[in-house]
Amino acid sequence: MNARDRINKAAFNLMNGTRDAVSAAVMKSVTDGKLQIERDQLQQLLMIISGTIESMYHTGIRVFLRSVDVALKEEKAMSEKK
């Protein structure tokens, strides 16, 4: 697995961790009574949160990976000059 693939995988894992943490925090807040959300609405809310995080990941990852590619090329060029 090359550096770009490892970075892509790390970013994907970060997105999954973020989505899971946000969902868990919302569920805990509902369970603790901090958020007044009906149980049937909770599933819908969690689906909206999950879908939004995934959508933003898929939109942002392209820009992020282009930046990574530039950084890797610059790093390689600098190391070849030495």
Foldseek 3Di string as FASTA:
>chain_A
DDPLVVVLVVLVVVLVVVLVVVLVVVVVCVVVVVDPDDPVVSVVVSVVSNVVSVVVCVVVVVVVSVVVVVVVVVVVVVVVVD
